[in-house]
Amino acid sequence: MGLLQLRGVSVEIDYEGKSLKSQMRRSDKFGSRFTLIIGEEELAKGRAVLKEMDAGAQGEVALLPDDIAGKITRR
């Protein structure tokens, strides 16, 4: 079990390498409240983009399970 899942966060990962647009559509189809976007650039910076799906708002979050879970559960 992943570190985010241990903190009560449901996780879906794309292992097929689909386009970002396709992945965002899938996230919307699942009814996700948030989508965490991690690419090569984000990995290099140690940060990811956290997108709130309903509002369309997005911001950066550190790639630390406690930080990510904290941002998701506070909203």
N, C-alpha and C. Protein backbone atom coordinates (compact mmCIF):
# COMPACT_ATOMS: atom_id res chain seq x y z
N MET A 1 0.85 -1.18 0.00
CA MET A 1 0.00 0.00 0.00
C MET A 1 0.89 1.24 0.00
N GLY A 2 0.51 2.24 -0.77
CA GLY A 2 1.30 3.46 -0.89
C GLY A 2 1.14 4.38 0.31
N LEU A 3 2.06 5.30 0.43
CA LEU A 3 2.05 6.23 1.56
C LEU A 3 0.83 7.14 1.57
N LEU A 4 0.35 7.55 0.40
CA LEU A 4 -0.87 8.37 0.35
C LEU A 4 -2.08 7.53 0.75
N GLN A 5 -2.12 6.30 0.31
CA GLN A 5 -3.24 5.43 0.65
C GLN A 5 -3.28 5.17 2.15
N LEU A 6 -2.15 5.06 2.79
CA LEU A 6 -2.10 4.90 4.24
C LEU A 6 -2.69 6.11 4.97
N ARG A 7 -2.70 7.25 4.30
CA ARG A 7 -3.27 8.48 4.86
C ARG A 7 -4.72 8.69 4.42
N GLY A 8 -5.32 7.66 3.82
CA GLY A 8 -6.73 7.71 3.45
C GLY A 8 -7.02 8.34 2.10
N VAL A 9 -5.99 8.50 1.26
CA VAL A 9 -6.17 9.11 -0.05
C VAL A 9 -6.26 8.01 -1.11
N SER A 10 -7.33 8.02 -1.90
CA SER A 10 -7.46 7.07 -3.01
C SER A 10 -6.52 7.49 -4.12
N VAL A 11 -5.88 6.51 -4.74
CA VAL A 11 -4.86 6.80 -5.75
C VAL A 11 -5.12 5.98 -7.00
N GLU A 12 -5.04 6.64 -8.14
CA GLU A 12 -5.13 5.99 -9.46
C GLU A 12 -3.92 6.48 -10.25
N ILE A 13 -3.18 5.55 -10.83
CA ILE A 13 -1.95 5.90 -11.56
C ILE A 13 -2.06 5.41 -12.99
N ASP A 14 -1.61 6.23 -13.93
CA ASP A 14 -1.57 5.83 -15.34
C ASP A 14 -0.22 5.19 -15.63
N TYR A 15 -0.24 3.91 -15.93
CA TYR A 15 0.99 3.19 -16.27
C TYR A 15 1.16 3.03 -17.78
N GLU A 16 0.17 3.49 -18.54
CA GLU A 16 0.18 3.30 -19.98
C GLU A 16 0.83 4.45 -20.74
N GLY A 17 1.15 5.54 -20.07
CA GLY A 17 1.79 6.66 -20.74
C GLY A 17 0.86 7.45 -21.65
N LYS A 18 -0.42 7.51 -21.29
CA LYS A 18 -1.38 8.27 -22.09
C LYS A 18 -1.11 9.76 -21.98
N SER A 19 -1.68 10.51 -22.88
CA SER A 19 -1.49 11.97 -22.89
C SER A 19 -2.09 12.58 -21.62
N LEU A 20 -1.58 13.75 -21.27
CA LEU A 20 -2.09 14.45 -20.09
C LEU A 20 -3.58 14.73 -20.24
N LYS A 21 -4.00 15.13 -21.44
CA LYS A 21 -5.41 15.42 -21.70
C LYS A 21 -6.27 14.18 -21.44
N SER A 22 -5.81 13.03 -21.91
CA SER A 22 -6.53 11.78 -21.72
C SER A 22 -6.60 11.42 -20.23
N GLN A 23 -5.50 11.63 -19.53
CA GLN A 23 -5.47 11.33 -18.11
C GLN A 23 -6.40 12.26 -17.32
N MET A 24 -6.48 13.52 -17.72
CA MET A 24 -7.37 14.47 -17.05
C MET A 24 -8.84 14.10 -17.30
N ARG A 25 -9.15 13.66 -18.50
CA ARG A 25 -10.52 13.20 -18.80
C ARG A 25 -10.87 12.00 -17.93
N ARG A 26 -9.93 11.10 -17.78
CA ARG A 26 -10.16 9.90 -16.95
C ARG A 26 -10.38 10.29 -15.50
N SER A 27 -9.58 11.21 -15.01
CA SER A 27 -9.73 11.69 -13.64
C SER A 27 -11.12 12.30 -13.44
N ASP A 28 -11.56 13.08 -14.41
CA ASP A 28 -12.89 13.70 -14.34
C ASP A 28 -13.97 12.63 -14.37
N LYS A 29 -13.80 11.62 -15.22
CA LYS A 29 -14.77 10.53 -15.34
C LYS A 29 -14.91 9.78 -14.02
N PHE A 30 -13.80 9.62 -13.29
CA PHE A 30 -13.83 8.95 -11.99
C PHE A 30 -14.46 9.82 -10.90
N GLY A 31 -14.69 11.10 -11.21
CA GLY A 31 -15.25 12.00 -10.21
C GLY A 31 -14.23 12.46 -9.18
N SER A 32 -12.97 12.50 -9.59
CA SER A 32 -11.90 12.91 -8.67
C SER A 32 -12.07 14.36 -8.25
N ARG A 33 -11.87 14.62 -6.97
CA ARG A 33 -11.90 16.01 -6.49
C ARG A 33 -10.59 16.70 -6.83
N PHE A 34 -9.49 15.95 -6.78
CA PHE A 34 -8.16 16.49 -7.03
C PHE A 34 -7.40 15.57 -7.98
N THR A 35 -6.50 16.17 -8.73
CA THR A 35 -5.58 15.41 -9.58
C THR A 35 -4.18 15.92 -9.31
N LEU A 36 -3.27 15.00 -9.06
CA LEU A 36 -1.87 15.34 -8.82
C LEU A 36 -1.11 15.06 -10.11
N ILE A 37 -0.47 16.09 -10.65
CA ILE A 37 0.25 15.97 -11.92
C ILE A 37 1.75 15.95 -11.63
N ILE A 38 2.38 14.84 -12.01
CA ILE A 38 3.81 14.68 -11.77
C ILE A 38 4.47 14.26 -13.07
N GLY A 39 5.32 15.13 -13.59
CA GLY A 39 6.09 14.84 -14.79
C GLY A 39 7.57 14.92 -14.46
N GLU A 40 8.38 14.84 -15.47
CA GLU A 40 9.84 14.88 -15.27
C GLU A 40 10.28 16.18 -14.61
N GLU A 41 9.70 17.29 -15.06
CA GLU A 41 10.05 18.60 -14.51
C GLU A 41 9.70 18.68 -13.03
N GLU A 42 8.51 18.18 -12.70
CA GLU A 42 8.05 18.21 -11.31
C GLU A 42 8.94 17.33 -10.44
N LEU A 43 9.30 16.16 -10.95
CA LEU A 43 10.19 15.26 -10.19
C LEU A 43 11.52 15.93 -9.91
N ALA A 44 12.06 16.62 -10.90
CA ALA A 44 13.35 17.29 -10.73
C ALA A 44 13.28 18.38 -9.66
N LYS A 45 12.12 19.06 -9.56
CA LYS A 45 11.95 20.13 -8.57
C LYS A 45 11.48 19.61 -7.21
N GLY A 46 11.03 18.34 -7.16
CA GLY A 46 10.51 17.80 -5.91
C GLY A 46 9.14 18.36 -5.57
N ARG A 47 8.43 18.81 -6.59
CA ARG A 47 7.11 19.40 -6.40
C ARG A 47 6.17 18.85 -7.48
N ALA A 48 4.88 18.94 -7.25
CA ALA A 48 3.89 18.48 -8.21
C ALA A 48 2.79 19.54 -8.32
N VAL A 49 2.00 19.43 -9.36
CA VAL A 49 0.85 20.32 -9.53
C VAL A 49 -0.37 19.60 -8.97
N LEU A 50 -1.06 20.27 -8.06
CA LEU A 50 -2.30 19.72 -7.49
C LEU A 50 -3.45 20.54 -8.05
N LYS A 51 -4.31 19.87 -8.82
CA LYS A 51 -5.43 20.55 -9.47
C LYS A 51 -6.74 20.17 -8.79
N GLU A 52 -7.49 21.18 -8.40
CA GLU A 52 -8.83 20.97 -7.86
C GLU A 52 -9.78 20.91 -9.05
N MET A 53 -10.35 19.75 -9.29
CA MET A 53 -11.06 19.50 -10.54
C MET A 53 -12.31 20.37 -10.71
N ASP A 54 -13.12 20.54 -9.69
CA ASP A 54 -14.35 21.33 -9.83
C ASP A 54 -14.08 22.80 -10.12
N ALA A 55 -13.17 23.38 -9.35
CA ALA A 55 -12.88 24.80 -9.47
C ALA A 55 -11.90 25.10 -10.60
N GLY A 56 -11.11 24.11 -10.98
CA GLY A 56 -10.09 24.32 -12.00
C GLY A 56 -8.85 25.00 -11.45
N ALA A 57 -8.86 25.31 -10.16
CA ALA A 57 -7.70 25.95 -9.53
C ALA A 57 -6.58 24.93 -9.36
N GLN A 58 -5.36 25.43 -9.47
CA GLN A 58 -4.23 24.54 -9.27
C GLN A 58 -3.07 25.29 -8.65
N GLY A 59 -2.23 24.54 -7.96
CA GLY A 59 -1.05 25.11 -7.34
C GLY A 59 -0.02 24.02 -7.14
N GLU A 60 1.14 24.41 -6.68
CA GLU A 60 2.21 23.43 -6.45
C GLU A 60 2.17 22.92 -5.02
N VAL A 61 2.60 21.70 -4.88
CA VAL A 61 2.70 21.06 -3.56
C VAL A 61 3.98 20.24 -3.55
N ALA A 62 4.63 20.17 -2.39
CA ALA A 62 5.84 19.36 -2.26
C ALA A 62 5.49 17.89 -2.45
N LEU A 63 6.41 17.14 -3.03
CA LEU A 63 6.19 15.71 -3.24
C LEU A 63 6.44 14.94 -1.94
N LEU A 64 5.68 15.28 -0.94
CA LEU A 64 5.74 14.62 0.37
C LEU A 64 4.33 14.17 0.72
N PRO A 65 4.15 12.89 1.05
CA PRO A 65 2.80 12.38 1.32
C PRO A 65 2.01 13.20 2.33
N ASP A 66 2.65 13.65 3.40
CA ASP A 66 1.92 14.43 4.41
C ASP A 66 1.46 15.77 3.84
N ASP A 67 2.28 16.42 3.03
CA ASP A 67 1.90 17.69 2.42
C ASP A 67 0.74 17.51 1.45
N ILE A 68 0.81 16.49 0.63
CA ILE A 68 -0.24 16.24 -0.36
C ILE A 68 -1.55 15.89 0.35
N ALA A 69 -1.50 14.96 1.29
CA ALA A 69 -2.70 14.56 2.02
C ALA A 69 -3.29 15.73 2.79
N GLY A 70 -2.42 16.57 3.37
CA GLY A 70 -2.89 17.73 4.11
C GLY A 70 -3.64 18.71 3.23
N LYS A 71 -3.16 18.96 2.03
CA LYS A 71 -3.83 19.88 1.11
C LYS A 71 -5.18 19.33 0.66
N ILE A 72 -5.25 18.04 0.45
CA ILE A 72 -6.47 17.40 -0.04
C ILE A 72 -7.53 17.33 1.05
N THR A 73 -7.15 16.99 2.25
CA THR A 73 -8.13 16.79 3.32
C THR A 73 -8.61 18.09 3.94
N ARG A 74 -7.88 19.19 3.74
CA ARG A 74 -8.30 20.48 4.29
C ARG A 74 -9.40 21.13 3.49
N ARG A 75 -9.63 20.68 2.28
CA ARG A 75 -10.61 21.35 1.41
C ARG A 75 -11.93 20.66 1.45
